[in-house]
Amino acid sequence: MTKGNQNMPATSSIIFAYLVVYIVWGSTFFFIEKALHSFSPFVLGSIRFILAGSLLMGYCYAKGYKLFAKTAVKDALFVGFLLLFVDMAAVIWSEQYISSGIVSIIAAATAIWFVVLDKPKWKENFSSLPTVLGLIFGFLGVFMLFAEQLFAQDASGDKNMKITAMFVLVCGTIAWTIGSLASKYSREKRTRQMQERGEEDIHVMVKTAWQMVCAGIAFTVVATVNGEYARFQIRDVLPEDWGAIIYLATMGSILAFGSYIWLLQYRPTTEVSTHAYINPIVALLLAHYFTNHRVTSLQIIGLVVVLGSVLLMNWNLYKNNKKVKVYKRAKRIKKLRELAPQSSIPRIMALSNFNQRHEKKKEVTNRED
């Protein structure tokens, strides 16, 4: 992905966008737990995504974006059902029984399922030692969190529900992975179908709005069928819990995602993906300081193990990052300059410049292909 083909925004704008993605996305786990004080799980999801989807669709309409293309909307509804309904329903329901900090760590372990379920990449993934080690450490970290819930002393008697919540959460991360992979591998087929029908694709923000609308409708149907809306009393909702749900809809679902999409246009994907390491740390800190949940040493170790596993599973991506290559080349040139006779240095620099030009030419050729 080429990031430098547009006018680069101000550094302050990039820093602000990263802060939003790092902190706001990390804080959503905490605000879900706060909102659950007044809202039942599916009512919470219903209000959050109906509000967010409506606001985002209104924004897209005001910007003049095309709002409908049959093939693209159909795909967005499918992805929205798995990512924003099934996965978020698992997250919200689980936070009734387990800490938002633990939920964020399990969510960070989603990378495990990308390795396990991405069948076309099995040969590449399972022939890579860092990826295999990351997979083992990832399962170990998740097992540690399960073990803590299983063997911890629980005066409330909710141990069985906590274990159930952990399993539900894992199922949610699998649904997120399936939805993401389905979207990834259907993109080429979808593009071909749209070209055959003469359809114009819709903006990524419009697709996201449709995903949120789909999730909002699904949450609403379940909340109606299981009686949550019948039991919901709007007068019983505390003002701070209204604030939490508005924060989730506007800051979490719209601003954070918008910042994420915007960053992908200007920064390397591997750099933007570092939010996966920061979000659970933010969630764990908020759970420790602003809830009555106790953050244990085993949870911290589990977090370190899971984040270490995510780093290993993405090792090849980071290793092949352009900035890393430039840094390694600079180190090699510096070492050669220190070892070589003075008369050899111009030749070394000439070789370096040739290599740089050759790699740039290869990048241009790859883009044209």
Protein backbone atom coordinates (compact mmCIF):
# COMPACT_ATOMS: atom_id res chain seq x y z
CA MET A 1 0.00 0.00 0.00
CA THR A 2 1.48 3.30 -1.03
CA LYS A 3 1.13 6.02 1.53
CA GLY A 4 3.14 8.77 -0.03
CA ASN A 5 1.08 9.43 -3.13
CA GLN A 6 -1.05 12.07 -1.46
CA ASN A 7 -0.24 15.30 0.34
CA MET A 8 0.91 14.21 3.77
CA PRO A 9 -1.15 15.62 6.65
CA ALA A 10 0.38 17.48 9.57
CA THR A 11 2.30 15.41 12.11
CA SER A 12 -0.05 16.65 14.84
CA SER A 13 -3.04 15.20 12.93
CA ILE A 14 -1.33 11.81 12.64
CA ILE A 15 -0.45 11.81 16.35
CA PHE A 16 -4.03 12.74 17.27
CA ALA A 17 -5.42 9.92 15.09
CA TYR A 18 -3.07 7.40 16.73
CA LEU A 19 -4.09 8.59 20.20
CA VAL A 20 -7.75 8.11 19.26
CA VAL A 21 -7.16 4.59 17.90
CA TYR A 22 -4.93 3.59 20.83
CA ILE A 23 -6.90 5.10 23.72
CA VAL A 24 -10.51 5.29 22.54
CA TRP A 25 -10.63 1.75 21.15
CA GLY A 26 -8.90 0.49 24.28
CA SER A 27 -11.41 2.31 26.49
CA THR A 28 -14.52 0.86 24.80
CA PHE A 29 -14.20 -2.34 26.88
CA PHE A 30 -14.37 -0.22 30.05
CA PHE A 31 -17.36 1.84 28.85
CA ILE A 32 -19.27 -1.31 27.89
CA GLU A 33 -18.87 -2.52 31.46
CA LYS A 34 -20.08 0.86 32.77
CA ALA A 35 -23.10 0.95 30.44
CA LEU A 36 -24.15 -2.55 31.59
CA HIS A 37 -25.09 -1.02 34.96
CA SER A 38 -28.26 0.38 33.34
CA PHE A 39 -28.62 -1.49 30.05
CA SER A 40 -29.07 -5.19 29.41
CA PRO A 41 -26.61 -6.62 26.83
CA PHE A 42 -28.75 -6.67 23.70
CA VAL A 43 -30.49 -3.36 24.45
CA LEU A 44 -27.03 -1.82 24.83
CA GLY A 45 -25.93 -3.21 21.46
CA SER A 46 -29.20 -2.17 19.84
CA ILE A 47 -29.01 1.47 20.93
CA ARG A 48 -25.26 1.75 20.29
CA PHE A 49 -25.29 0.48 16.71
CA ILE A 50 -28.62 1.98 15.62
CA LEU A 51 -27.35 5.36 16.83
CA ALA A 52 -23.86 4.93 15.34
CA GLY A 53 -25.15 3.53 12.03
CA SER A 54 -27.70 6.32 11.64
CA LEU A 55 -25.15 9.05 12.39
CA LEU A 56 -22.55 7.57 10.06
CA MET A 57 -25.07 7.02 7.25
CA GLY A 58 -26.23 10.63 7.67
CA TYR A 59 -22.62 11.82 7.46
CA CYS A 60 -22.06 9.79 4.27
CA TYR A 61 -25.25 11.24 2.74
CA ALA A 62 -24.12 14.77 3.60
CA LYS A 63 -20.74 14.07 1.97
CA GLY A 64 -22.52 12.96 -1.20
CA TYR A 65 -21.34 9.35 -1.12
CA LYS A 66 -23.31 6.75 -3.03
CA LEU A 67 -25.33 4.86 -0.39
CA PHE A 68 -26.37 1.68 -2.19
CA ALA A 69 -24.86 -0.95 -4.48
CA LYS A 70 -26.53 -4.34 -4.21
CA THR A 71 -23.41 -6.53 -4.19
CA ALA A 72 -21.41 -4.29 -1.85
CA VAL A 73 -24.29 -3.83 0.60
CA LYS A 74 -25.02 -7.57 0.65
CA ASP A 75 -21.38 -8.24 1.55
CA ALA A 76 -21.39 -5.46 4.18
CA LEU A 77 -24.48 -6.93 5.86
CA PHE A 78 -22.86 -10.38 6.08
CA VAL A 79 -19.61 -8.99 7.49
CA GLY A 80 -21.50 -6.68 9.86
CA PHE A 81 -23.53 -9.60 11.21
CA LEU A 82 -20.40 -11.60 12.10
CA LEU A 83 -18.09 -8.77 13.20
CA LEU A 84 -20.40 -6.26 14.85
CA PHE A 85 -23.27 -8.48 15.99
CA VAL A 86 -21.91 -11.95 16.84
CA ASP A 87 -18.50 -10.79 18.12
CA MET A 88 -19.78 -7.67 19.92
CA ALA A 89 -22.70 -9.61 21.41
CA ALA A 90 -20.14 -12.04 22.84
CA VAL A 91 -18.05 -9.16 24.23
CA ILE A 92 -21.01 -7.31 25.77
CA TRP A 93 -22.66 -10.45 27.23
CA SER A 94 -19.33 -11.69 28.67
CA GLU A 95 -18.64 -8.41 30.47
CA GLN A 96 -21.59 -9.15 32.76
CA TYR A 97 -19.43 -11.82 34.40
CA ILE A 98 -15.75 -11.09 33.73
CA SER A 99 -13.56 -8.00 33.86
CA SER A 100 -13.31 -5.71 30.84
CA GLY A 101 -9.52 -6.12 31.17
CA ILE A 102 -9.69 -9.89 30.67
CA VAL A 103 -12.12 -9.44 27.77
CA SER A 104 -9.65 -7.10 26.04
CA ILE A 105 -6.80 -9.63 26.41
CA ILE A 106 -8.90 -12.44 24.90
CA ALA A 107 -9.91 -10.08 22.09
CA ALA A 108 -6.22 -9.34 21.39
CA ALA A 109 -5.67 -13.09 20.95
CA THR A 110 -7.85 -13.02 17.80
CA ALA A 111 -4.60 -13.27 15.81
CA ILE A 112 -4.49 -16.95 16.85
CA TRP A 113 -7.61 -17.74 14.86
CA PHE A 114 -6.36 -15.87 11.79
CA VAL A 115 -3.42 -18.29 11.69
CA VAL A 116 -5.56 -21.37 12.39
CA LEU A 117 -8.48 -20.59 10.04
CA ASP A 118 -6.72 -18.94 7.07
CA LYS A 119 -6.40 -22.19 5.07
CA PRO A 120 -4.85 -20.66 1.90
CA LYS A 121 -1.96 -19.43 4.09
CA TRP A 122 -1.44 -22.62 6.12
CA LYS A 123 1.75 -23.57 4.23
CA GLU A 124 3.23 -20.10 4.70
CA ASN A 125 2.15 -19.76 8.34
CA PHE A 126 3.03 -23.22 9.60
CA SER A 127 6.43 -23.23 7.87
CA SER A 128 7.38 -20.06 9.77
CA LEU A 129 8.99 -20.71 13.16
CA PRO A 130 8.02 -17.29 14.65
CA THR A 131 4.38 -17.83 13.61
CA VAL A 132 4.24 -21.35 15.10
CA LEU A 133 5.87 -20.14 18.33
CA GLY A 134 3.42 -17.22 18.43
CA LEU A 135 0.52 -19.64 18.03
CA ILE A 136 1.77 -21.81 20.92
CA PHE A 137 2.32 -18.79 23.19
CA GLY A 138 -1.07 -17.38 22.21
CA PHE A 139 -2.89 -20.53 23.29
CA LEU A 140 -0.77 -20.61 26.46
CA GLY A 141 -1.78 -17.03 27.34
CA VAL A 142 -5.48 -17.75 26.80
CA PHE A 143 -5.17 -20.98 28.83
CA MET A 144 -3.62 -19.00 31.71
CA LEU A 145 -6.65 -16.69 31.81
CA PHE A 146 -9.04 -19.68 31.72
CA ALA A 147 -7.05 -21.37 34.50
CA GLU A 148 -7.29 -18.27 36.69
CA GLN A 149 -11.08 -18.18 36.37
CA LEU A 150 -11.31 -21.94 36.94
CA PHE A 151 -9.15 -22.18 40.06
CA ALA A 152 -9.67 -18.76 41.66
CA GLN A 153 -11.63 -18.52 44.89
CA ASP A 154 -15.02 -17.02 44.02
CA ALA A 155 -17.26 -15.96 46.90
CA SER A 156 -20.04 -14.86 44.50
CA GLY A 157 -20.59 -18.40 43.22
CA ASP A 158 -20.48 -17.24 39.58
CA LYS A 159 -17.48 -19.39 38.61
CA ASN A 160 -19.45 -21.49 36.10
CA MET A 161 -20.85 -18.36 34.45
CA LYS A 162 -17.37 -16.85 34.25
CA ILE A 163 -16.04 -19.94 32.46
CA THR A 164 -19.08 -19.89 30.15
CA ALA A 165 -18.44 -16.22 29.43
CA MET A 166 -14.83 -17.00 28.50
CA PHE A 167 -15.98 -19.69 26.03
CA VAL A 168 -18.61 -17.34 24.56
CA LEU A 169 -15.94 -14.67 24.14
CA VAL A 170 -13.62 -17.08 22.32
CA CYS A 171 -16.50 -18.02 20.00
CA GLY A 172 -17.00 -14.30 19.33
CA THR A 173 -13.34 -13.87 18.31
CA ILE A 174 -13.70 -16.85 15.95
CA ALA A 175 -16.76 -15.19 14.37
CA TRP A 176 -14.75 -11.97 13.94
CA THR A 177 -11.99 -13.96 12.20
CA ILE A 178 -14.42 -15.81 9.90
CA GLY A 179 -16.09 -12.53 8.92
CA SER A 180 -12.74 -10.84 8.24
CA LEU A 181 -11.43 -13.75 6.16
CA ALA A 182 -14.70 -14.05 4.23
CA SER A 183 -14.50 -10.35 3.39
CA LYS A 184 -10.85 -10.69 2.37
CA TYR A 185 -11.27 -13.66 0.04
CA SER A 186 -14.58 -12.58 -1.45
CA ARG A 187 -13.25 -9.14 -2.44
CA GLU A 188 -11.93 -10.25 -5.83
CA LYS A 189 -15.13 -12.16 -6.66
CA ARG A 190 -17.26 -9.23 -5.50
CA THR A 191 -15.26 -6.77 -7.62
CA ARG A 192 -15.66 -9.00 -10.69
CA GLN A 193 -19.43 -9.32 -10.14
CA MET A 194 -19.80 -5.56 -9.78
CA GLN A 195 -17.83 -4.97 -12.99
CA GLU A 196 -20.02 -7.47 -14.84
CA ARG A 197 -23.16 -5.72 -13.63
CA GLY A 198 -21.72 -2.27 -14.24
CA GLU A 199 -22.10 -1.38 -10.55
CA GLU A 200 -19.99 1.30 -8.92
CA ASP A 201 -18.49 0.38 -5.55
CA ILE A 202 -19.44 2.35 -2.44
CA HIS A 203 -17.15 4.19 -0.02
CA VAL A 204 -15.68 2.22 2.89
CA MET A 205 -17.50 4.50 5.38
CA VAL A 206 -20.84 3.67 3.72
CA LYS A 207 -20.04 -0.04 4.00
CA THR A 208 -19.28 0.46 7.69
CA ALA A 209 -22.58 2.31 8.17
CA TRP A 210 -24.44 -0.64 6.62
CA GLN A 211 -22.53 -3.03 8.90
CA MET A 212 -23.58 -0.99 11.94
CA VAL A 213 -27.21 -0.83 10.77
CA CYS A 214 -27.20 -4.62 10.30
CA ALA A 215 -25.77 -5.14 13.81
CA GLY A 216 -28.24 -2.65 15.30
CA ILE A 217 -31.23 -4.42 13.72
CA ALA A 218 -29.94 -7.85 14.84
CA PHE A 219 -29.44 -6.61 18.42
CA THR A 220 -32.91 -5.05 18.37
CA VAL A 221 -34.58 -8.27 17.17
CA VAL A 222 -32.89 -10.35 19.88
CA ALA A 223 -33.61 -7.76 22.60
CA THR A 224 -37.28 -7.77 21.56
CA VAL A 225 -37.62 -11.56 21.34
CA ASN A 226 -35.85 -12.34 24.64
CA GLY A 227 -37.85 -9.70 26.52
CA GLU A 228 -35.02 -7.26 27.27
CA TYR A 229 -36.87 -4.32 25.70
CA ALA A 230 -40.08 -5.29 27.54
CA ARG A 231 -38.17 -5.08 30.85
CA PHE A 232 -36.24 -1.93 29.90
CA GLN A 233 -37.26 1.19 31.83
CA ILE A 234 -35.74 4.35 30.40
CA ARG A 235 -36.31 6.26 33.65
CA ASP A 236 -34.00 3.83 35.49
CA VAL A 237 -30.99 4.67 33.31
CA LEU A 238 -28.37 6.71 35.15
CA PRO A 239 -27.04 9.85 33.40
CA GLU A 240 -23.45 8.53 33.42
CA ASP A 241 -24.62 5.34 31.70
CA TRP A 242 -26.30 7.38 28.95
CA GLY A 243 -22.92 9.10 28.63
CA ALA A 244 -21.20 5.70 28.32
CA ILE A 245 -23.48 4.50 25.51
CA ILE A 246 -23.20 7.82 23.63
CA TYR A 247 -19.40 7.58 23.98
CA LEU A 248 -19.47 4.03 22.56
CA ALA A 249 -21.61 5.09 19.59
CA THR A 250 -19.78 8.30 18.69
CA MET A 251 -16.20 7.95 19.93
CA GLY A 252 -15.82 4.17 19.74
CA SER A 253 -17.82 3.28 16.65
CA ILE A 254 -17.39 6.43 14.53
CA LEU A 255 -14.38 8.54 15.55
CA ALA A 256 -12.01 5.66 16.35
CA PHE A 257 -12.91 3.69 13.23
CA GLY A 258 -12.72 6.83 11.08
CA SER A 259 -9.26 7.58 12.47
CA TYR A 260 -8.19 3.99 11.78
CA ILE A 261 -9.32 4.16 8.12
CA TRP A 262 -7.72 7.60 7.72
CA LEU A 263 -4.38 6.37 9.13
CA LEU A 264 -4.33 3.46 6.69
CA GLN A 265 -4.25 5.99 3.84
CA TYR A 266 -1.06 7.67 5.10
CA ARG A 267 0.82 5.23 7.35
CA PRO A 268 2.11 1.64 6.84
CA THR A 269 -0.43 -1.04 7.71
CA THR A 270 2.03 -2.77 10.06
CA GLU A 271 2.45 0.51 11.97
CA VAL A 272 -1.30 1.13 12.27
CA SER A 273 -1.85 -2.46 13.47
CA THR A 274 0.16 -1.68 16.63
CA HIS A 275 -3.15 -0.65 18.22
CA ALA A 276 -3.56 -4.39 18.99
CA TYR A 277 -0.74 -4.04 21.56
CA ILE A 278 -1.94 -0.81 23.16
CA ASN A 279 -5.72 -1.39 23.41
CA PRO A 280 -5.59 -4.21 26.02
CA ILE A 281 -3.09 -2.24 28.12
CA VAL A 282 -5.47 0.75 28.17
CA ALA A 283 -8.40 -1.55 29.04
CA LEU A 284 -6.47 -3.25 31.84
CA LEU A 285 -5.40 0.09 33.36
CA LEU A 286 -8.99 1.41 33.30
CA ALA A 287 -10.28 -1.82 34.85
CA HIS A 288 -7.66 -1.57 37.60
CA TYR A 289 -8.20 2.07 38.54
CA PHE A 290 -11.91 2.63 37.83
CA THR A 291 -13.69 -0.67 38.54
CA ASN A 292 -13.88 -3.00 41.51
CA HIS A 293 -12.12 -5.77 39.57
CA ARG A 294 -8.70 -6.77 40.87
CA VAL A 295 -5.99 -7.00 38.21
CA THR A 296 -3.89 -10.01 39.22
CA SER A 297 -0.28 -10.83 38.44
CA LEU A 298 -1.48 -13.81 36.38
CA GLN A 299 -3.59 -11.48 34.22
CA ILE A 300 -0.57 -9.24 33.62
CA ILE A 301 1.58 -12.26 32.72
CA GLY A 302 -1.22 -13.51 30.45
CA LEU A 303 -1.31 -10.10 28.76
CA VAL A 304 2.46 -10.12 28.17
CA VAL A 305 2.33 -13.69 26.79
CA VAL A 306 -0.61 -12.91 24.46
CA LEU A 307 0.95 -9.66 23.18
CA GLY A 308 4.26 -11.47 22.71
CA SER A 309 2.45 -14.13 20.69
CA VAL A 310 0.79 -11.47 18.50
CA LEU A 311 4.24 -9.94 17.87
CA LEU A 312 5.65 -13.34 16.84
CA MET A 313 2.68 -14.12 14.56
CA ASN A 314 3.22 -10.76 12.80
CA TRP A 315 7.01 -11.09 12.82
CA ASN A 316 7.35 -11.65 9.07
CA LEU A 317 5.23 -8.55 8.35
CA TYR A 318 7.37 -6.38 10.60
CA LYS A 319 10.60 -7.92 9.26
CA ASN A 320 9.61 -7.03 5.68
CA ASN A 321 8.49 -3.52 6.59
CA LYS A 322 10.18 -0.86 4.41
CA LYS A 323 11.41 1.18 7.41
CA VAL A 324 13.03 -1.92 8.93
CA LYS A 325 14.78 -2.66 5.62
CA VAL A 326 16.10 0.91 5.40
CA TYR A 327 17.36 0.72 9.02
CA LYS A 328 19.11 -2.61 8.37
CA ARG A 329 20.71 -1.28 5.18
CA ALA A 330 21.99 1.80 7.00
CA LYS A 331 23.53 -0.41 9.70
CA ARG A 332 25.25 -2.60 7.08
CA ILE A 333 26.66 0.45 5.27
CA LYS A 334 27.92 1.91 8.54
CA LYS A 335 29.63 -1.35 9.44
CA LEU A 336 31.25 -1.62 6.00
CA ARG A 337 32.49 1.97 6.22
CA GLU A 338 34.10 1.22 9.58
CA LEU A 339 35.81 -1.96 8.32
CA ALA A 340 36.77 -0.92 4.79
CA PRO A 341 39.89 1.05 3.78
CA GLN A 342 39.29 4.72 3.13
CA SER A 343 39.68 4.24 -0.64
CA SER A 344 36.84 1.67 -0.70
CA ILE A 345 34.18 3.93 0.84
CA PRO A 346 33.10 5.65 -2.44
CA ARG A 347 32.58 2.20 -4.00
CA ILE A 348 30.47 1.07 -1.01
CA MET A 349 28.29 4.18 -1.26
CA ALA A 350 27.86 3.66 -5.01
CA LEU A 351 26.70 0.08 -4.41
CA SER A 352 24.29 1.32 -1.74
CA ASN A 353 22.79 3.91 -4.10
CA PHE A 354 22.47 1.29 -6.84
CA ASN A 355 20.63 -1.07 -4.46
CA GLN A 356 18.27 1.69 -3.40
CA ARG A 357 17.46 2.58 -7.03
CA HIS A 358 16.98 -1.10 -7.87
CA GLU A 359 14.53 -1.62 -5.00
CA LYS A 360 12.56 1.50 -5.96
CA LYS A 361 12.35 0.23 -9.54
CA LYS A 362 11.04 -3.12 -8.24
CA GLU A 363 8.39 -1.34 -6.14
CA VAL A 364 7.20 0.63 -9.20
CA THR A 365 7.05 -2.58 -11.28
CA ASN A 366 5.08 -4.39 -8.56
CA ARG A 367 2.57 -1.53 -8.35
CA GLU A 368 2.08 -1.58 -12.11
CA ASP A 369 1.46 -5.36 -12.01
